[in-house]
Amino acid sequence: MLVLDSDARASDVRETLTQVAKPYMVLSIFDQDEFQSQLTAQINQMLAVIYALLGLTVVIAVLGIVNTLGLGILERTREIGLLRAIGLSGHQLRSTITLESVLIACFGTVVGLVLGVGITLGIPTLFKSMGFTELVIPWNSLGVMAALAIAVGVGAALWPAIRAQRVPVLTAIASDE
């Protein structure tokens, strides 16, 4: 890091430094704006990797929700059959299972968002020496993630809800699971 005298020209100093650093392949000469843009590019690249991991996490979460709902329905087959025998419609059954799925997805999302934002609040302290002192939390993106959680919950409920609705009432009541 260099601080120029008031009578020094930045272009001359940069040119001299470039010539001095030329034999050393690993040295690069940046002004403050170039350095910040390079760090920003690195952070954006890291964010792309994080978003890819987030996508993988969503796929795993959907499988987890489907598995949880499937096992829950399997264990409650008799109860579902009794509810259907006393008048629970197929639509009401699908709605109940979808609501359960959305609640699971939303709970996981809220916990993840709170932990993520909480941990992120410490980033300006870590990068203070590099000139990053301001933290901007993308509330719009977090809102999209919350809406995506609801959509994931609805999508994850489709297969278990259809499976539960297709079990005949008498078979479900006679079930000993």
Protein backbone atom coordinates (compact mmCIF):
# COMPACT_ATOMS: atom_id res chain seq x y z
CA MET A 1 0.00 0.00 0.00
CA LEU A 2 1.48 3.33 -1.04
CA VAL A 3 0.59 6.90 -0.14
CA LEU A 4 1.71 9.43 -2.74
CA ASP A 5 3.28 12.78 -1.95
CA SER A 6 1.29 15.80 -3.02
CA ASP A 7 3.73 16.58 -5.88
CA ALA A 8 3.86 12.98 -7.25
CA ARG A 9 1.81 11.99 -10.31
CA ALA A 10 -0.09 8.75 -9.89
CA SER A 11 0.49 7.67 -13.50
CA ASP A 12 4.29 8.06 -13.19
CA VAL A 13 4.40 6.15 -9.90
CA ARG A 14 2.20 3.40 -11.34
CA GLU A 15 4.40 3.07 -14.42
CA THR A 16 7.56 2.85 -12.30
CA LEU A 17 5.98 0.28 -9.99
CA THR A 18 4.80 -1.77 -12.96
CA GLN A 19 8.35 -1.90 -14.32
CA VAL A 20 9.73 -2.89 -10.92
CA ALA A 21 7.10 -5.63 -10.44
CA LYS A 22 7.34 -6.98 -14.02
CA PRO A 23 9.98 -9.68 -13.27
CA TYR A 24 7.81 -11.01 -10.43
CA MET A 25 4.80 -12.73 -11.97
CA VAL A 26 2.75 -12.82 -8.76
CA LEU A 27 2.79 -9.08 -8.06
CA SER A 28 0.00 -6.88 -9.37
CA ILE A 29 -0.36 -3.13 -9.22
CA PHE A 30 -3.83 -1.78 -8.41
CA ASP A 31 -5.21 1.55 -7.40
CA GLN A 32 -7.89 1.63 -4.72
CA ASP A 33 -10.81 1.40 -7.16
CA GLU A 34 -9.26 -1.53 -9.06
CA PHE A 35 -8.51 -3.30 -5.80
CA GLN A 36 -12.09 -2.89 -4.60
CA SER A 37 -13.49 -4.06 -7.94
CA GLN A 38 -11.22 -7.14 -7.80
CA LEU A 39 -12.45 -7.95 -4.29
CA THR A 40 -16.04 -7.36 -5.41
CA ALA A 41 -15.53 -9.79 -8.31
CA GLN A 42 -14.17 -12.40 -5.90
CA ILE A 43 -17.13 -11.91 -3.56
CA ASN A 44 -19.56 -12.19 -6.49
CA GLN A 45 -17.87 -15.42 -7.55
CA MET A 46 -18.16 -16.74 -4.01
CA LEU A 47 -21.85 -15.74 -3.98
CA ALA A 48 -22.41 -17.69 -7.20
CA VAL A 49 -20.99 -20.79 -5.52
CA ILE A 50 -23.16 -20.16 -2.46
CA TYR A 51 -26.28 -19.83 -4.65
CA ALA A 52 -25.41 -23.11 -6.36
CA LEU A 53 -25.09 -24.75 -2.94
CA LEU A 54 -28.40 -23.15 -1.96
CA GLY A 55 -30.03 -24.77 -5.00
CA LEU A 56 -28.64 -28.13 -3.96
CA THR A 57 -29.90 -27.52 -0.44
CA VAL A 58 -33.41 -26.81 -1.76
CA VAL A 59 -33.40 -30.13 -3.65
CA ILE A 60 -32.31 -31.95 -0.49
CA ALA A 61 -34.95 -30.09 1.54
CA VAL A 62 -37.70 -31.12 -0.88
CA LEU A 63 -36.62 -34.75 -0.60
CA GLY A 64 -36.54 -34.44 3.18
CA ILE A 65 -40.02 -32.93 3.32
CA VAL A 66 -41.43 -35.56 0.97
CA ASN A 67 -39.81 -38.30 3.08
CA THR A 68 -41.12 -36.81 6.34
CA LEU A 69 -44.64 -36.40 4.98
CA GLY A 70 -44.61 -39.86 3.40
CA LEU A 71 -43.61 -41.49 6.68
CA GLY A 72 -46.11 -39.38 8.62
CA ILE A 73 -48.93 -40.39 6.30
CA LEU A 74 -47.87 -44.01 6.42
CA GLU A 75 -47.93 -43.93 10.23
CA ARG A 76 -51.28 -42.11 10.31
CA THR A 77 -53.02 -44.24 7.68
CA ARG A 78 -55.68 -45.44 10.12
CA GLU A 79 -56.36 -41.92 11.43
CA ILE A 80 -56.62 -40.53 7.91
CA GLY A 81 -59.03 -43.35 7.01
CA LEU A 82 -61.20 -42.60 10.05
CA LEU A 83 -61.27 -38.88 9.20
CA ARG A 84 -62.26 -39.68 5.63
CA ALA A 85 -64.95 -42.11 6.89
CA ILE A 86 -66.60 -39.36 8.95
CA GLY A 87 -66.61 -36.89 6.07
CA LEU A 88 -63.15 -35.45 5.37
CA SER A 89 -63.06 -34.72 1.65
CA GLY A 90 -60.09 -35.41 -0.60
CA HIS A 91 -59.58 -31.67 -1.04
CA GLN A 92 -59.50 -31.13 2.72
CA LEU A 93 -57.00 -33.98 3.11
CA ARG A 94 -54.74 -32.51 0.41
CA SER A 95 -55.03 -29.07 2.02
CA THR A 96 -54.08 -30.45 5.43
CA ILE A 97 -51.03 -32.26 4.08
CA THR A 98 -50.01 -29.21 2.01
CA LEU A 99 -50.32 -26.96 5.06
CA GLU A 100 -48.15 -29.36 7.07
CA SER A 101 -45.55 -29.31 4.29
CA VAL A 102 -45.59 -25.51 4.01
CA LEU A 103 -45.15 -25.21 7.78
CA ILE A 104 -42.13 -27.52 7.70
CA ALA A 105 -40.59 -25.58 4.79
CA CYS A 106 -41.30 -22.17 6.37
CA PHE A 107 -39.89 -23.19 9.74
CA GLY A 108 -36.66 -24.34 8.14
CA THR A 109 -36.47 -21.17 6.03
CA VAL A 110 -37.06 -18.82 8.96
CA VAL A 111 -34.41 -20.56 11.06
CA GLY A 112 -31.97 -20.44 8.15
CA LEU A 113 -32.65 -16.76 7.38
CA VAL A 114 -32.28 -15.71 11.01
CA LEU A 115 -29.02 -17.63 11.40
CA GLY A 116 -27.70 -16.40 8.05
CA VAL A 117 -28.45 -12.74 8.69
CA GLY A 118 -27.14 -13.02 12.25
CA ILE A 119 -23.83 -14.48 11.13
CA THR A 120 -23.59 -12.03 8.24
CA LEU A 121 -23.79 -9.07 10.60
CA GLY A 122 -20.20 -9.84 11.63
CA ILE A 123 -18.77 -9.49 8.10
CA PRO A 124 -18.01 -5.73 8.25
CA THR A 125 -15.86 -6.36 11.32
CA LEU A 126 -13.83 -8.99 9.46
CA PHE A 127 -13.24 -6.89 6.34
CA LYS A 128 -12.86 -3.50 8.01
CA SER A 129 -9.11 -3.43 7.30
CA MET A 130 -9.79 -3.91 3.57
CA GLY A 131 -12.15 -0.97 3.31
CA PHE A 132 -15.46 -2.83 3.49
CA THR A 133 -17.32 -1.21 6.34
CA GLU A 134 -20.87 -1.15 5.05
CA LEU A 135 -23.10 -4.21 5.01
CA VAL A 136 -26.10 -4.28 2.70
CA ILE A 137 -28.56 -7.06 3.43
CA PRO A 138 -30.59 -7.97 0.31
CA TRP A 139 -34.04 -7.94 1.88
CA ASN A 140 -35.73 -8.42 -1.51
CA SER A 141 -33.74 -11.61 -2.14
CA LEU A 142 -34.55 -12.86 1.35
CA GLY A 143 -38.23 -12.21 0.65
CA VAL A 144 -37.95 -14.19 -2.59
CA MET A 145 -36.34 -17.03 -0.63
CA ALA A 146 -39.24 -17.00 1.84
CA ALA A 147 -41.75 -17.11 -1.03
CA LEU A 148 -39.74 -19.90 -2.62
CA ALA A 149 -40.04 -21.83 0.65
CA ILE A 150 -43.82 -21.71 0.39
CA ALA A 151 -43.67 -22.90 -3.22
CA VAL A 152 -41.27 -25.69 -2.26
CA GLY A 153 -43.61 -26.72 0.56
CA VAL A 154 -46.57 -26.89 -1.81
CA GLY A 155 -44.56 -28.82 -4.41
CA ALA A 156 -43.20 -31.26 -1.85
CA ALA A 157 -46.71 -32.04 -0.62
CA LEU A 158 -48.06 -33.16 -3.99
CA TRP A 159 -46.89 -36.76 -4.02
CA PRO A 160 -47.66 -37.58 -0.35
CA ALA A 161 -51.09 -35.91 -0.59
CA ILE A 162 -52.05 -37.80 -3.74
CA ARG A 163 -50.79 -41.04 -2.20
CA ALA A 164 -52.81 -40.47 0.98
CA GLN A 165 -55.95 -39.62 -0.96
CA ARG A 166 -55.72 -42.75 -3.14
CA VAL A 167 -55.79 -45.19 -0.21
CA PRO A 168 -59.34 -46.62 0.01
CA VAL A 169 -61.13 -45.66 3.22
CA LEU A 170 -61.82 -49.24 4.35
CA THR A 171 -58.23 -50.29 3.65
CA ALA A 172 -56.97 -47.32 5.65
CA ILE A 173 -59.24 -48.09 8.61
CA ALA A 174 -58.24 -51.77 8.58
CA SER A 175 -54.57 -50.83 8.52
CA ASP A 176 -52.64 -51.79 11.64
CA GLU A 177 -49.72 -49.39 11.13
